[in-house]
Structure formats: C-alpha cells, structure tokens
Amino acid sequence: MSAHPESRERPADAVGGLLASLSIFASLVGVAYRPGRLIPVALLLALVAVALGGRYLRLAAFAIGIGGACFVIGMAAAVITDHPVF
C-alpha cells in the first residue's frame, strides 16, 4: 500500500495561472495596439503571477519573457511605422 500525499490546488495557484495567461494575451495585443500602455501592465500582471508562485510558476516566467520580447518588438514597430506609442 502506497500513500501519496493529497495535493490540493490553492486558490492562489489558479489566480496566478489566470494572471499569467492574461499577461500573455495583453502582451500580444500590445504589439499591435499601443505598446506603451498595454505591455507594462501585462508585465506587472506577470510579476504578480510570479509572486503568487505555485503550480503555474513556469507559465508566469514564460509570460515575463513574452512580455519583454513583445515590448521590444511593439515599440520598434510603432516607431518604424509612425503609429502612436502611448
């Protein structure tokens, strides 16, 4: 007979995963529309998701990487095409 500890997901884990996925979505939208407004907020959401930690920590770290890349790409695209940054 083997006993495995019962792993229950905390509500903070679910909130962290939701914030990380929302951060990825906002970063991708920010590339096309006002990167100076959306992407910093998305990065803040990703940092909160990392602070919550838990089960979705890799997703939150992935959200920070995507947010940084989207910031660089979005700002460069906005400057090159003369679209508004803010």
C-alpha atoms as a PDB file:
ATOM      1  CA  MET A   1       0.000   0.000   0.000  1.00  0.00           C
ATOM      2  CA  SER A   2       1.463   3.301  -1.021  1.00  0.00           C
ATOM      3  CA  ALA A   3       0.350   6.582   0.347  1.00  0.00           C
ATOM      4  CA  HIS A   4       0.641   9.641  -1.849  1.00  0.00           C
ATOM      5  CA  PRO A   5       0.144  12.986  -0.247  1.00  0.00           C
ATOM      6  CA  GLU A   6      -3.052  14.573  -1.376  1.00  0.00           C
ATOM      7  CA  SER A   7      -2.174  17.647  -3.365  1.00  0.00           C
ATOM      8  CA  ARG A   8      -4.818  20.295  -3.316  1.00  0.00           C
ATOM      9  CA  GLU A   9      -4.548  23.313  -5.503  1.00  0.00           C
ATOM     10  CA  ARG A  10      -4.681  26.567  -3.627  1.00  0.00           C
ATOM     11  CA  PRO A  11      -6.854  29.370  -4.973  1.00  0.00           C
ATOM     12  CA  ALA A  12      -3.702  31.455  -5.365  1.00  0.00           C
ATOM     13  CA  ASP A  13      -2.371  28.887  -7.845  1.00  0.00           C
ATOM     14  CA  ALA A  14      -5.420  29.271 -10.058  1.00  0.00           C
ATOM     15  CA  VAL A  15      -5.259  33.066  -9.846  1.00  0.00           C
ATOM     16  CA  GLY A  16      -1.558  33.002 -10.712  1.00  0.00           C
ATOM     17  CA  GLY A  17      -2.220  30.900 -13.806  1.00  0.00           C
ATOM     18  CA  LEU A  18      -5.050  33.169 -14.871  1.00  0.00           C
ATOM     19  CA  LEU A  19      -2.918  36.288 -14.422  1.00  0.00           C
ATOM     20  CA  ALA A  20      -0.053  34.737 -16.377  1.00  0.00           C
ATOM     21  CA  SER A  21      -2.291  33.809 -19.300  1.00  0.00           C
ATOM     22  CA  LEU A  22      -3.943  37.244 -19.234  1.00  0.00           C
ATOM     23  CA  SER A  23      -0.485  38.799 -19.271  1.00  0.00           C
ATOM     24  CA  ILE A  24       0.497  36.819 -22.372  1.00  0.00           C
ATOM     25  CA  PHE A  25      -2.711  37.868 -24.130  1.00  0.00           C
ATOM     26  CA  ALA A  26      -2.247  41.546 -23.220  1.00  0.00           C
ATOM     27  CA  SER A  27       1.380  41.457 -24.392  1.00  0.00           C
ATOM     28  CA  LEU A  28       0.428  40.033 -27.766  1.00  0.00           C
ATOM     29  CA  VAL A  29      -2.361  42.581 -28.204  1.00  0.00           C
ATOM     30  CA  GLY A  30       0.031  45.337 -27.160  1.00  0.00           C
ATOM     31  CA  VAL A  31       2.334  44.608 -30.094  1.00  0.00           C
ATOM     32  CA  ALA A  32      -0.371  45.772 -32.488  1.00  0.00           C
ATOM     33  CA  TYR A  33      -2.128  48.403 -30.359  1.00  0.00           C
ATOM     34  CA  ARG A  34      -0.428  50.969 -28.097  1.00  0.00           C
ATOM     35  CA  PRO A  35       2.566  49.024 -26.754  1.00  0.00           C
ATOM     36  CA  GLY A  36       3.459  51.778 -24.289  1.00  0.00           C
ATOM     37  CA  ARG A  37       0.147  51.362 -22.466  1.00  0.00           C
ATOM     38  CA  LEU A  38      -0.625  47.673 -22.578  1.00  0.00           C
ATOM     39  CA  ILE A  39       2.694  45.884 -22.270  1.00  0.00           C
ATOM     40  CA  PRO A  40       3.874  47.480 -18.991  1.00  0.00           C
ATOM     41  CA  VAL A  41       0.542  46.498 -17.430  1.00  0.00           C
ATOM     42  CA  ALA A  42       0.984  42.989 -18.829  1.00  0.00           C
ATOM     43  CA  LEU A  43       4.465  42.793 -17.333  1.00  0.00           C
ATOM     44  CA  LEU A  44       3.085  43.904 -13.978  1.00  0.00           C
ATOM     45  CA  LEU A  45       0.464  41.147 -14.150  1.00  0.00           C
ATOM     46  CA  ALA A  46       3.192  38.631 -14.938  1.00  0.00           C
ATOM     47  CA  LEU A  47       5.254  39.783 -11.961  1.00  0.00           C
ATOM     48  CA  VAL A  48       2.247  39.380  -9.669  1.00  0.00           C
ATOM     49  CA  ALA A  49       1.737  35.881 -11.085  1.00  0.00           C
ATOM     50  CA  VAL A  50       5.369  35.053 -10.306  1.00  0.00           C
ATOM     51  CA  ALA A  51       4.950  36.401  -6.784  1.00  0.00           C
ATOM     52  CA  LEU A  52       1.947  34.136  -6.240  1.00  0.00           C
ATOM     53  CA  GLY A  53       4.115  31.211  -7.315  1.00  0.00           C
ATOM     54  CA  GLY A  54       2.667  27.757  -7.083  1.00  0.00           C
ATOM     55  CA  ARG A  55       1.808  25.361  -9.832  1.00  0.00           C
ATOM     56  CA  TYR A  56       1.940  27.817 -12.743  1.00  0.00           C
ATOM     57  CA  LEU A  57       5.330  29.334 -11.994  1.00  0.00           C
ATOM     58  CA  ARG A  58       6.786  28.270 -15.358  1.00  0.00           C
ATOM     59  CA  LEU A  59       3.857  29.849 -17.189  1.00  0.00           C
ATOM     60  CA  ALA A  60       4.410  33.081 -15.281  1.00  0.00           C
ATOM     61  CA  ALA A  61       8.120  33.073 -16.148  1.00  0.00           C
ATOM     62  CA  PHE A  62       7.167  32.425 -19.770  1.00  0.00           C
ATOM     63  CA  ALA A  63       4.773  35.407 -19.582  1.00  0.00           C
ATOM     64  CA  ILE A  64       7.618  37.680 -18.449  1.00  0.00           C
ATOM     65  CA  GLY A  65       9.777  36.534 -21.371  1.00  0.00           C
ATOM     66  CA  ILE A  66       6.986  37.044 -23.869  1.00  0.00           C
ATOM     67  CA  GLY A  67       6.190  40.448 -22.369  1.00  0.00           C
ATOM     68  CA  GLY A  68       9.780  41.610 -22.720  1.00  0.00           C
ATOM     69  CA  ALA A  69      10.020  40.418 -26.303  1.00  0.00           C
ATOM     70  CA  CYS A  70       6.666  41.984 -27.188  1.00  0.00           C
ATOM     71  CA  PHE A  71       7.752  45.278 -25.635  1.00  0.00           C
ATOM     72  CA  VAL A  72      10.850  45.460 -27.825  1.00  0.00           C
ATOM     73  CA  ILE A  73       9.011  44.348 -30.972  1.00  0.00           C
ATOM     74  CA  GLY A  74       5.968  46.561 -30.324  1.00  0.00           C
ATOM     75  CA  MET A  75       7.983  49.697 -29.624  1.00  0.00           C
ATOM     76  CA  ALA A  76      10.210  49.143 -32.648  1.00  0.00           C
ATOM     77  CA  ALA A  77       7.197  48.547 -34.889  1.00  0.00           C
ATOM     78  CA  ALA A  78       5.421  51.642 -33.542  1.00  0.00           C
ATOM     79  CA  VAL A  79       8.448  53.842 -34.147  1.00  0.00           C
ATOM     80  CA  ILE A  80       9.169  52.451 -37.622  1.00  0.00           C
ATOM     81  CA  THR A  81       5.557  52.774 -38.816  1.00  0.00           C
ATOM     82  CA  ASP A  82       4.865  56.131 -37.072  1.00  0.00           C
ATOM     83  CA  HIS A  83       1.997  54.688 -35.021  1.00  0.00           C
ATOM     84  CA  PRO A  84       1.282  56.109 -31.566  1.00  0.00           C
ATOM     85  CA  VAL A  85       3.314  54.535 -28.800  1.00  0.00           C
ATOM     86  CA  PHE A  86       1.041  55.665 -25.972  1.00  0.00           C
END
